[in-house]
Amino acid sequence: MANSNRRSVRNGNRSFILTLALFAILGYFVISVASLQYQIGEKTKEVEAAQQTLASAQAENEELKELAREEDEKTYMERIARDVLGYVLPGESVYYDVSTGN
């Protein structure tokens, strides 16, 4: 009888250790999946931001192509001087709207 009690205690310890190991492995996999889901979400946000930047750059590129096609060189240079460099013609007054409303 003492021999059978030892076997049941040994089997009980093995069962407990096996259960504990299975829970540890399961916990590891759950944490790994959650971490991967978080990383996927972050990368998705990065992709969306990059797509918005790309769309903005493409729109600006198309606008510049259209501008170059429609205007001759003198008109194009005048527009760049006005819009980018802030130049004005002699005797010309420029007014800026600094109101905060729409």
PDB file of N, CA and C in Angstrom:
ATOM      1  N   MET A   1       0.800  -1.185   0.000  1.00  0.00           N
ATOM      2  CA  MET A   1       0.000   0.000   0.000  1.00  0.00           C
ATOM      3  C   MET A   1       0.857   1.269   0.000  1.00  0.00           C
ATOM      4  N   ALA A   2       1.910   1.259   0.706  1.00  0.00           N
ATOM      5  CA  ALA A   2       2.807   2.411   0.733  1.00  0.00           C
ATOM      6  C   ALA A   2       3.394   2.658  -0.642  1.00  0.00           C
ATOM      7  N   ASN A   3       3.618   1.571  -1.361  1.00  0.00           N
ATOM      8  CA  ASN A   3       4.170   1.678  -2.700  1.00  0.00           C
ATOM      9  C   ASN A   3       3.175   2.336  -3.656  1.00  0.00           C
ATOM     10  N   SER A   4       1.904   2.017  -3.541  1.00  0.00           N
ATOM     11  CA  SER A   4       0.881   2.621  -4.403  1.00  0.00           C
ATOM     12  C   SER A   4       0.663   4.085  -4.063  1.00  0.00           C
ATOM     13  N   ASN A   5       0.820   4.477  -2.789  1.00  0.00           N
ATOM     14  CA  ASN A   5       0.693   5.891  -2.403  1.00  0.00           C
ATOM     15  C   ASN A   5       1.819   6.713  -3.009  1.00  0.00           C
ATOM     16  N   ARG A   6       3.018   6.133  -3.040  1.00  0.00           N
ATOM     17  CA  ARG A   6       4.150   6.842  -3.638  1.00  0.00           C
ATOM     18  C   ARG A   6       3.898   7.076  -5.128  1.00  0.00           C
ATOM     19  N   ARG A   7       3.359   6.077  -5.800  1.00  0.00           N
ATOM     20  CA  ARG A   7       3.075   6.221  -7.222  1.00  0.00           C
ATOM     21  C   ARG A   7       2.014   7.297  -7.475  1.00  0.00           C
ATOM     22  N   SER A   8       0.987   7.341  -6.671  1.00  0.00           N
ATOM     23  CA  SER A   8      -0.060   8.343  -6.868  1.00  0.00           C
ATOM     24  C   SER A   8       0.459   9.750  -6.570  1.00  0.00           C
ATOM     25  N   VAL A   9       1.342   9.882  -5.579  1.00  0.00           N
ATOM     26  CA  VAL A   9       1.934  11.192  -5.275  1.00  0.00           C
ATOM     27  C   VAL A   9       2.848  11.598  -6.432  1.00  0.00           C
ATOM     28  N   ARG A  10       3.627  10.638  -6.944  1.00  0.00           N
ATOM     29  CA  ARG A  10       4.520  10.916  -8.066  1.00  0.00           C
ATOM     30  C   ARG A  10       3.714  11.293  -9.310  1.00  0.00           C
ATOM     31  N   ASN A  11       2.645  10.581  -9.573  1.00  0.00           N
ATOM     32  CA  ASN A  11       1.780  10.890 -10.708  1.00  0.00           C
ATOM     33  C   ASN A  11       1.103  12.247 -10.530  1.00  0.00           C
ATOM     34  N   GLY A  12       0.717  12.564  -9.312  1.00  0.00           N
ATOM     35  CA  GLY A  12       0.102  13.864  -9.012  1.00  0.00           C
ATOM     36  C   GLY A  12       1.080  14.990  -9.240  1.00  0.00           C
ATOM     37  N   ASN A  13       2.350  14.795  -8.837  1.00  0.00           N
ATOM     38  CA  ASN A  13       3.371  15.829  -9.058  1.00  0.00           C
ATOM     39  C   ASN A  13       3.638  16.009 -10.548  1.00  0.00           C
ATOM     40  N   ARG A  14       3.706  14.913 -11.304  1.00  0.00           N
ATOM     41  CA  ARG A  14       3.922  14.998 -12.746  1.00  0.00           C
ATOM     42  C   ARG A  14       2.753  15.727 -13.410  1.00  0.00           C
ATOM     43  N   SER A  15       1.566  15.406 -12.992  1.00  0.00           N
ATOM     44  CA  SER A  15       0.376  16.038 -13.552  1.00  0.00           C
ATOM     45  C   SER A  15       0.383  17.541 -13.264  1.00  0.00           C
ATOM     46  N   PHE A  16       0.750  17.914 -12.039  1.00  0.00           N
ATOM     47  CA  PHE A  16       0.799  19.329 -11.670  1.00  0.00           C
ATOM     48  C   PHE A  16       1.865  20.055 -12.482  1.00  0.00           C
ATOM     49  N   ILE A  17       3.038  19.462 -12.618  1.00  0.00           N
ATOM     50  CA  ILE A  17       4.127  20.081 -13.370  1.00  0.00           C
ATOM     51  C   ILE A  17       3.747  20.192 -14.844  1.00  0.00           C
ATOM     52  N   LEU A  18       3.137  19.180 -15.394  1.00  0.00           N
ATOM     53  CA  LEU A  18       2.699  19.204 -16.792  1.00  0.00           C
ATOM     54  C   LEU A  18       1.647  20.296 -17.005  1.00  0.00           C
ATOM     55  N   THR A  19       0.688  20.398 -16.112  1.00  0.00           N
ATOM     56  CA  THR A  19      -0.344  21.438 -16.195  1.00  0.00           C
ATOM     57  C   THR A  19       0.274  22.823 -16.100  1.00  0.00           C
ATOM     58  N   LEU A  20       1.200  22.979 -15.181  1.00  0.00           N
ATOM     59  CA  LEU A  20       1.876  24.264 -15.009  1.00  0.00           C
ATOM     60  C   LEU A  20       2.664  24.628 -16.269  1.00  0.00           C
ATOM     61  N   ALA A  21       3.351  23.659 -16.849  1.00  0.00           N
ATOM     62  CA  ALA A  21       4.111  23.907 -18.078  1.00  0.00           C
ATOM     63  C   ALA A  21       3.179  24.276 -19.232  1.00  0.00           C
ATOM     64  N   LEU A  22       2.054  23.597 -19.342  1.00  0.00           N
ATOM     65  CA  LEU A  22       1.094  23.913 -20.407  1.00  0.00           C
ATOM     66  C   LEU A  22       0.536  25.328 -20.258  1.00  0.00           C
ATOM     67  N   PHE A  23       0.231  25.723 -19.022  1.00  0.00           N
ATOM     68  CA  PHE A  23      -0.259  27.084 -18.789  1.00  0.00           C
ATOM     69  C   PHE A  23       0.819  28.115 -19.109  1.00  0.00           C
ATOM     70  N   ALA A  24       2.067  27.812 -18.794  1.00  0.00           N
ATOM     71  CA  ALA A  24       3.159  28.735 -19.100  1.00  0.00           C
ATOM     72  C   ALA A  24       3.307  28.889 -20.616  1.00  0.00           C
ATOM     73  N   ILE A  25       3.247  27.793 -21.340  1.00  0.00           N
ATOM     74  CA  ILE A  25       3.357  27.848 -22.804  1.00  0.00           C
ATOM     75  C   ILE A  25       2.172  28.597 -23.399  1.00  0.00           C
ATOM     76  N   LEU A  26       0.992  28.317 -22.910  1.00  0.00           N
ATOM     77  CA  LEU A  26      -0.207  29.005 -23.384  1.00  0.00           C
ATOM     78  C   LEU A  26      -0.108  30.503 -23.109  1.00  0.00           C
ATOM     79  N   GLY A  27       0.349  30.873 -21.925  1.00  0.00           N
ATOM     80  CA  GLY A  27       0.520  32.285 -21.584  1.00  0.00           C
ATOM     81  C   GLY A  27       1.511  32.976 -22.498  1.00  0.00           C
ATOM     82  N   TYR A  28       2.600  32.283 -22.804  1.00  0.00           N
ATOM     83  CA  TYR A  28       3.602  32.837 -23.717  1.00  0.00           C
ATOM     84  C   TYR A  28       2.999  33.110 -25.085  1.00  0.00           C
ATOM     85  N   PHE A  29       2.234  32.166 -25.604  1.00  0.00           N
ATOM     86  CA  PHE A  29       1.629  32.346 -26.919  1.00  0.00           C
ATOM     87  C   PHE A  29       0.592  33.468 -26.919  1.00  0.00           C
ATOM     88  N   VAL A  30      -0.182  33.582 -25.868  1.00  0.00           N
ATOM     89  CA  VAL A  30      -1.181  34.654 -25.785  1.00  0.00           C
ATOM     90  C   VAL A  30      -0.488  36.018 -25.773  1.00  0.00           C
ATOM     91  N   ILE A  31       0.580  36.135 -24.983  1.00  0.00           N
ATOM     92  CA  ILE A  31       1.321  37.400 -24.921  1.00  0.00           C
ATOM     93  C   ILE A  31       1.973  37.697 -26.267  1.00  0.00           C
ATOM     94  N   SER A  32       2.504  36.679 -26.931  1.00  0.00           N
ATOM     95  CA  SER A  32       3.129  36.874 -28.240  1.00  0.00           C
ATOM     96  C   SER A  32       2.111  37.356 -29.266  1.00  0.00           C
ATOM     97  N   VAL A  33       0.938  36.764 -29.284  1.00  0.00           N
ATOM     98  CA  VAL A  33      -0.103  37.166 -30.242  1.00  0.00           C
ATOM     99  C   VAL A  33      -0.553  38.605 -29.957  1.00  0.00           C
ATOM    100  N   ALA A  34      -0.725  38.944 -28.692  1.00  0.00           N
ATOM    101  CA  ALA A  34      -1.137  40.307 -28.342  1.00  0.00           C
ATOM    102  C   ALA A  34      -0.069  41.308 -28.773  1.00  0.00           C
ATOM    103  N   SER A  35       1.181  40.985 -28.567  1.00  0.00           N
ATOM    104  CA  SER A  35       2.278  41.859 -28.969  1.00  0.00           C
ATOM    105  C   SER A  35       2.299  42.033 -30.486  1.00  0.00           C
ATOM    106  N   LEU A  36       2.100  40.965 -31.218  1.00  0.00           N
ATOM    107  CA  LEU A  36       2.080  41.046 -32.678  1.00  0.00           C
ATOM    108  C   LEU A  36       0.904  41.882 -33.173  1.00  0.00           C
ATOM    109  N   GLN A  37      -0.245  41.748 -32.538  1.00  0.00           N
ATOM    110  CA  GLN A  37      -1.410  42.552 -32.918  1.00  0.00           C
ATOM    111  C   GLN A  37      -1.125  44.038 -32.707  1.00  0.00           C
ATOM    112  N   TYR A  38      -0.477  44.368 -31.604  1.00  0.00           N
ATOM    113  CA  TYR A  38      -0.120  45.765 -31.332  1.00  0.00           C
ATOM    114  C   TYR A  38       0.844  46.281 -32.400  1.00  0.00           C
ATOM    115  N   GLN A  39       1.859  45.483 -32.744  1.00  0.00           N
ATOM    116  CA  GLN A  39       2.826  45.883 -33.759  1.00  0.00           C
ATOM    117  C   GLN A  39       2.151  46.061 -35.126  1.00  0.00           C
ATOM    118  N   ILE A  40       1.218  45.187 -35.445  1.00  0.00           N
ATOM    119  CA  ILE A  40       0.492  45.306 -36.709  1.00  0.00           C
ATOM    120  C   ILE A  40      -0.299  46.614 -36.735  1.00  0.00           C
ATOM    121  N   GLY A  41      -0.939  46.943 -35.623  1.00  0.00           N
ATOM    122  CA  GLY A  41      -1.690  48.207 -35.544  1.00  0.00           C
ATOM    123  C   GLY A  41      -0.795  49.410 -35.741  1.00  0.00           C
ATOM    124  N   GLU A  42       0.378  49.396 -35.124  1.00  0.00           N
ATOM    125  CA  GLU A  42       1.315  50.507 -35.268  1.00  0.00           C
ATOM    126  C   GLU A  42       1.809  50.622 -36.709  1.00  0.00           C
ATOM    127  N   LYS A  43       2.130  49.516 -37.326  1.00  0.00           N
ATOM    128  CA  LYS A  43       2.610  49.536 -38.711  1.00  0.00           C
ATOM    129  C   LYS A  43       1.504  49.987 -39.660  1.00  0.00           C
ATOM    130  N   THR A  44       0.264  49.621 -39.364  1.00  0.00           N
ATOM    131  CA  THR A  44      -0.864  50.064 -40.186  1.00  0.00           C
ATOM    132  C   THR A  44      -0.993  51.582 -40.133  1.00  0.00           C
ATOM    133  N   LYS A  45      -0.822  52.154 -38.939  1.00  0.00           N
ATOM    134  CA  LYS A  45      -0.878  53.614 -38.805  1.00  0.00           C
ATOM    135  C   LYS A  45       0.255  54.264 -39.596  1.00  0.00           C
ATOM    136  N   GLU A  46       1.447  53.670 -39.554  1.00  0.00           N
ATOM    137  CA  GLU A  46       2.572  54.210 -40.301  1.00  0.00           C
ATOM    138  C   GLU A  46       2.304  54.160 -41.802  1.00  0.00           C
ATOM    139  N   VAL A  47       1.716  53.078 -42.265  1.00  0.00           N
ATOM    140  CA  VAL A  47       1.412  52.944 -43.693  1.00  0.00           C
ATOM    141  C   VAL A  47       0.385  53.989 -44.105  1.00  0.00           C
ATOM    142  N   GLU A  48      -0.640  54.197 -43.291  1.00  0.00           N
ATOM    143  CA  GLU A  48      -1.659  55.193 -43.615  1.00  0.00           C
ATOM    144  C   GLU A  48      -1.058  56.595 -43.683  1.00  0.00           C
ATOM    145  N   ALA A  49      -0.164  56.914 -42.744  1.00  0.00           N
ATOM    146  CA  ALA A  49       0.489  58.229 -42.765  1.00  0.00           C
ATOM    147  C   ALA A  49       1.355  58.379 -44.005  1.00  0.00           C
ATOM    148  N   ALA A  50       2.071  57.326 -44.365  1.00  0.00           N
ATOM    149  CA  ALA A  50       2.912  57.377 -45.565  1.00  0.00           C
ATOM    150  C   ALA A  50       2.061  57.519 -46.820  1.00  0.00           C
ATOM    151  N   GLN A  51       0.897  56.854 -46.856  1.00  0.00           N
ATOM    152  CA  GLN A  51       0.014  56.977 -48.013  1.00  0.00           C
ATOM    153  C   GLN A  51      -0.534  58.391 -48.137  1.00  0.00           C
ATOM    154  N   GLN A  52      -0.849  59.017 -47.005  1.00  0.00           N
ATOM    155  CA  GLN A  52      -1.328  60.398 -47.046  1.00  0.00           C
ATOM    156  C   GLN A  52      -0.236  61.339 -47.541  1.00  0.00           C
ATOM    157  N   THR A  53       0.984  61.120 -47.087  1.00  0.00           N
ATOM    158  CA  THR A  53       2.107  61.935 -47.536  1.00  0.00           C
ATOM    159  C   THR A  53       2.332  61.752 -49.035  1.00  0.00           C
ATOM    160  N   LEU A  54       2.254  60.511 -49.484  1.00  0.00           N
ATOM    161  CA  LEU A  54       2.416  60.219 -50.911  1.00  0.00           C
ATOM    162  C   LEU A  54       1.331  60.897 -51.732  1.00  0.00           C
ATOM    163  N   ALA A  55       0.089  60.805 -51.282  1.00  0.00           N
ATOM    164  CA  ALA A  55      -1.020  61.426 -52.015  1.00  0.00           C
ATOM    165  C   ALA A  55      -0.833  62.936 -52.091  1.00  0.00           C
ATOM    166  N   SER A  56      -0.384  63.542 -51.005  1.00  0.00           N
ATOM    167  CA  SER A  56      -0.147  64.983 -50.990  1.00  0.00           C
ATOM    168  C   SER A  56       0.968  65.358 -51.962  1.00  0.00           C
ATOM    169  N   ALA A  57       2.044  64.580 -51.959  1.00  0.00           N
ATOM    170  CA  ALA A  57       3.166  64.861 -52.863  1.00  0.00           C
ATOM    171  C   ALA A  57       2.750  64.661 -54.314  1.00  0.00           C
ATOM    172  N   GLN A  58       1.945  63.640 -54.575  1.00  0.00           N
ATOM    173  CA  GLN A  58       1.489  63.409 -55.949  1.00  0.00           C
ATOM    174  C   GLN A  58       0.583  64.536 -56.418  1.00  0.00           C
ATOM    175  N   ALA A  59      -0.283  65.032 -55.541  1.00  0.00           N
ATOM    176  CA  ALA A  59      -1.171  66.138 -55.907  1.00  0.00           C
ATOM    177  C   ALA A  59      -0.351  67.395 -56.199  1.00  0.00           C
ATOM    178  N   GLU A  60       0.645  67.658 -55.379  1.00  0.00           N
ATOM    179  CA  GLU A  60       1.499  68.821 -55.611  1.00  0.00           C
ATOM    180  C   GLU A  60       2.281  68.663 -56.918  1.00  0.00           C
ATOM    181  N   ASN A  61       2.745  67.464 -57.176  1.00  0.00           N
ATOM    182  CA  ASN A  61       3.479  67.194 -58.408  1.00  0.00           C
ATOM    183  C   ASN A  61       2.592  67.426 -59.636  1.00  0.00           C
ATOM    184  N   GLU A  62       1.358  66.940 -59.576  1.00  0.00           N
ATOM    185  CA  GLU A  62       0.428  67.148 -60.688  1.00  0.00           C
ATOM    186  C   GLU A  62       0.129  68.631 -60.889  1.00  0.00           C
ATOM    187  N   GLU A  63      -0.004  69.345 -59.777  1.00  0.00           N
ATOM    188  CA  GLU A  63      -0.273  70.786 -59.866  1.00  0.00           C
ATOM    189  C   GLU A  63       0.894  71.506 -60.532  1.00  0.00           C
ATOM    190  N   LEU A  64       2.099  71.131 -60.163  1.00  0.00           N
ATOM    191  CA  LEU A  64       3.274  71.759 -60.776  1.00  0.00           C
ATOM    192  C   LEU A  64       3.406  71.386 -62.250  1.00  0.00           C
ATOM    193  N   LYS A  65       3.093  70.156 -62.600  1.00  0.00           N
ATOM    194  CA  LYS A  65       3.126  69.757 -64.011  1.00  0.00           C
ATOM    195  C   LYS A  65       2.113  70.557 -64.819  1.00  0.00           C
ATOM    196  N   GLU A  66       0.912  70.700 -64.263  1.00  0.00           N
ATOM    197  CA  GLU A  66      -0.138  71.458 -64.945  1.00  0.00           C
ATOM    198  C   GLU A  66       0.272  72.915 -65.094  1.00  0.00           C
ATOM    199  N   LEU A  67       0.848  73.475 -64.074  1.00  0.00           N
ATOM    200  CA  LEU A  67       1.313  74.854 -64.110  1.00  0.00           C
ATOM    201  C   LEU A  67       2.389  75.025 -65.178  1.00  0.00           C
ATOM    202  N   ALA A  68       3.299  74.094 -65.261  1.00  0.00           N
ATOM    203  CA  ALA A  68       4.364  74.174 -66.254  1.00  0.00           C
ATOM    204  C   ALA A  68       3.810  74.022 -67.673  1.00  0.00           C
ATOM    205  N   ARG A  69       2.790  73.225 -67.835  1.00  0.00           N
ATOM    206  CA  ARG A  69       2.199  73.026 -69.159  1.00  0.00           C
ATOM    207  C   ARG A  69       1.418  74.246 -69.635  1.00  0.00           C
ATOM    208  N   GLU A  70       0.709  74.885 -68.732  1.00  0.00           N
ATOM    209  CA  GLU A  70      -0.210  75.955 -69.115  1.00  0.00           C
ATOM    210  C   GLU A  70       0.478  77.299 -69.340  1.00  0.00           C
ATOM    211  N   GLU A  71       1.498  77.586 -68.586  1.00  0.00           N
ATOM    212  CA  GLU A  71       2.070  78.924 -68.630  1.00  0.00           C
ATOM    213  C   GLU A  71       3.417  78.928 -69.350  1.00  0.00           C
ATOM    214  N   ASP A  72       3.705  80.058 -69.935  1.00  0.00           N
ATOM    215  CA  ASP A  72       5.023  80.184 -70.547  1.00  0.00           C
ATOM    216  C   ASP A  72       6.067  80.463 -69.465  1.00  0.00           C
ATOM    217  N   GLU A  73       7.300  80.488 -69.853  1.00  0.00           N
ATOM    218  CA  GLU A  73       8.387  80.587 -68.865  1.00  0.00           C
ATOM    219  C   GLU A  73       8.341  81.894 -68.084  1.00  0.00           C
ATOM    220  N   LYS A  74       8.056  83.006 -68.750  1.00  0.00           N
ATOM    221  CA  LYS A  74       8.039  84.305 -68.064  1.00  0.00           C
ATOM    222  C   LYS A  74       6.944  84.334 -66.996  1.00  0.00           C
ATOM    223  N   THR A  75       5.763  83.875 -67.341  1.00  0.00           N
ATOM    224  CA  THR A  75       4.651  83.857 -66.393  1.00  0.00           C
ATOM    225  C   THR A  75       4.954  82.914 -65.228  1.00  0.00           C
ATOM    226  N   TYR A  76       5.565  81.786 -65.549  1.00  0.00           N
ATOM    227  CA  TYR A  76       5.925  80.821 -64.503  1.00  0.00           C
ATOM    228  C   TYR A  76       6.934  81.433 -63.537  1.00  0.00           C
ATOM    229  N   MET A  77       7.952  82.080 -64.056  1.00  0.00           N
ATOM    230  CA  MET A  77       8.973  82.702 -63.202  1.00  0.00           C
ATOM    231  C   MET A  77       8.359  83.816 -62.351  1.00  0.00           C
ATOM    232  N   GLU A  78       7.436  84.571 -62.939  1.00  0.00           N
ATOM    233  CA  GLU A  78       6.777  85.632 -62.172  1.00  0.00           C
ATOM    234  C   GLU A  78       5.961  85.041 -61.022  1.00  0.00           C
ATOM    235  N   ARG A  79       5.272  83.968 -61.294  1.00  0.00           N
ATOM    236  CA  ARG A  79       4.470  83.332 -60.245  1.00  0.00           C
ATOM    237  C   ARG A  79       5.360  82.798 -59.124  1.00  0.00           C
ATOM    238  N   ILE A  80       6.463  82.176 -59.477  1.00  0.00           N
ATOM    239  CA  ILE A  80       7.394  81.670 -58.460  1.00  0.00           C
ATOM    240  C   ILE A  80       7.954  82.820 -57.630  1.00  0.00           C
ATOM    241  N   ALA A  81       8.316  83.919 -58.303  1.00  0.00           N
ATOM    242  CA  ALA A  81       8.855  85.077 -57.591  1.00  0.00           C
ATOM    243  C   ALA A  81       7.832  85.645 -56.622  1.00  0.00           C
ATOM    244  N   ARG A  82       6.587  85.680 -57.019  1.00  0.00           N
ATOM    245  CA  ARG A  82       5.540  86.209 -56.141  1.00  0.00           C
ATOM    246  C   ARG A  82       5.197  85.250 -55.003  1.00  0.00           C
ATOM    247  N   ASP A  83       4.892  83.994 -55.373  1.00  0.00           N
ATOM    248  CA  ASP A  83       4.376  83.043 -54.389  1.00  0.00           C
ATOM    249  C   ASP A  83       5.460  82.523 -53.443  1.00  0.00           C
ATOM    250  N   VAL A  84       6.616  82.230 -53.970  1.00  0.00           N
ATOM    251  CA  VAL A  84       7.655  81.603 -53.151  1.00  0.00           C
ATOM    252  C   VAL A  84       8.568  82.638 -52.505  1.00  0.00           C
ATOM    253  N   LEU A  85       9.011  83.603 -53.291  1.00  0.00           N
ATOM    254  CA  LEU A  85       9.997  84.562 -52.797  1.00  0.00           C
ATOM    255  C   LEU A  85       9.384  85.838 -52.230  1.00  0.00           C
ATOM    256  N   GLY A  86       8.089  86.067 -52.504  1.00  0.00           N
ATOM    257  CA  GLY A  86       7.414  87.235 -51.944  1.00  0.00           C
ATOM    258  C   GLY A  86       7.719  88.538 -52.686  1.00  0.00           C
ATOM    259  N   TYR A  87       8.214  88.479 -53.926  1.00  0.00           N
ATOM    260  CA  TYR A  87       8.519  89.681 -54.696  1.00  0.00           C
ATOM    261  C   TYR A  87       7.234  90.324 -55.211  1.00  0.00           C
ATOM    262  N   VAL A  88       7.320  91.653 -55.438  1.00  0.00           N
ATOM    263  CA  VAL A  88       6.205  92.394 -56.024  1.00  0.00           C
ATOM    264  C   VAL A  88       6.746  93.302 -57.128  1.00  0.00           C
ATOM    265  N   LEU A  89       5.856  93.747 -57.999  1.00  0.00           N
ATOM    266  CA  LEU A  89       6.244  94.680 -59.057  1.00  0.00           C
ATOM    267  C   LEU A  89       6.379  96.085 -58.474  1.00  0.00           C
ATOM    268  N   PRO A  90       7.163  96.941 -59.092  1.00  0.00           N
ATOM    269  CA  PRO A  90       7.293  98.320 -58.593  1.00  0.00           C
ATOM    270  C   PRO A  90       5.940  99.022 -58.589  1.00  0.00           C
ATOM    271  N   GLY A  91       5.646  99.699 -57.504  1.00  0.00           N
ATOM    272  CA  GLY A  91       4.399 100.431 -57.372  1.00  0.00           C
ATOM    273  C   GLY A  91       3.214  99.553 -56.974  1.00  0.00           C
ATOM    274  N   GLU A  92       3.432  98.279 -56.801  1.00  0.00           N
ATOM    275  CA  GLU A  92       2.349  97.363 -56.460  1.00  0.00           C
ATOM    276  C   GLU A  92       2.244  97.242 -54.940  1.00  0.00           C
ATOM    277  N   SER A  93       1.022  97.223 -54.420  1.00  0.00           N
ATOM    278  CA  SER A  93       0.798  97.037 -52.984  1.00  0.00           C
ATOM    279  C   SER A  93       0.207  95.662 -52.741  1.00  0.00           C
ATOM    280  N   VAL A  94       0.720  94.994 -51.736  1.00  0.00           N
ATOM    281  CA  VAL A  94       0.235  93.661 -51.401  1.00  0.00           C
ATOM    282  C   VAL A  94      -0.397  93.726 -50.024  1.00  0.00           C
ATOM    283  N   TYR A  95      -1.579  93.161 -49.907  1.00  0.00           N
ATOM    284  CA  TYR A  95      -2.293  93.133 -48.644  1.00  0.00           C
ATOM    285  C   TYR A  95      -2.442  91.676 -48.197  1.00  0.00           C
ATOM    286  N   TYR A  96      -2.197  91.432 -46.920  1.00  0.00           N
ATOM    287  CA  TYR A  96      -2.314  90.073 -46.375  1.00  0.00           C
ATOM    288  C   TYR A  96      -3.489  90.040 -45.406  1.00  0.00           C
ATOM    289  N   ASP A  97      -4.317  89.043 -45.522  1.00  0.00           N
ATOM    290  CA  ASP A  97      -5.435  88.849 -44.623  1.00  0.00           C
ATOM    291  C   ASP A  97      -4.923  88.121 -43.385  1.00  0.00           C
ATOM    292  N   VAL A  98      -4.899  88.809 -42.251  1.00  0.00           N
ATOM    293  CA  VAL A  98      -4.393  88.219 -41.024  1.00  0.00           C
ATOM    294  C   VAL A  98      -5.507  87.919 -40.036  1.00  0.00           C
ATOM    295  N   SER A  99      -6.742  87.984 -40.506  1.00  0.00           N
ATOM    296  CA  SER A  99      -7.852  87.705 -39.612  1.00  0.00           C
ATOM    297  C   SER A  99      -7.834  86.224 -39.216  1.00  0.00           C
ATOM    298  N   THR A 100      -8.337  85.930 -38.025  1.00  0.00           N
ATOM    299  CA  THR A 100      -8.317  84.559 -37.528  1.00  0.00           C
ATOM    300  C   THR A 100      -9.563  83.803 -37.909  1.00  0.00           C
ATOM    301  N   GLY A 101     -10.560  84.470 -38.420  1.00  0.00           N
ATOM    302  CA  GLY A 101     -11.819  83.799 -38.806  1.00  0.00           C
ATOM    303  C   GLY A 101     -11.658  83.054 -40.107  1.00  0.00           C
ATOM    304  N   ASN A 102     -12.682  82.243 -40.405  1.00  0.00           N
ATOM    305  CA  ASN A 102     -12.638  81.475 -41.654  1.00  0.00           C
ATOM    306  C   ASN A 102     -12.921  82.396 -42.781  1.00  0.00           C
TER     307      ASN A 102
END
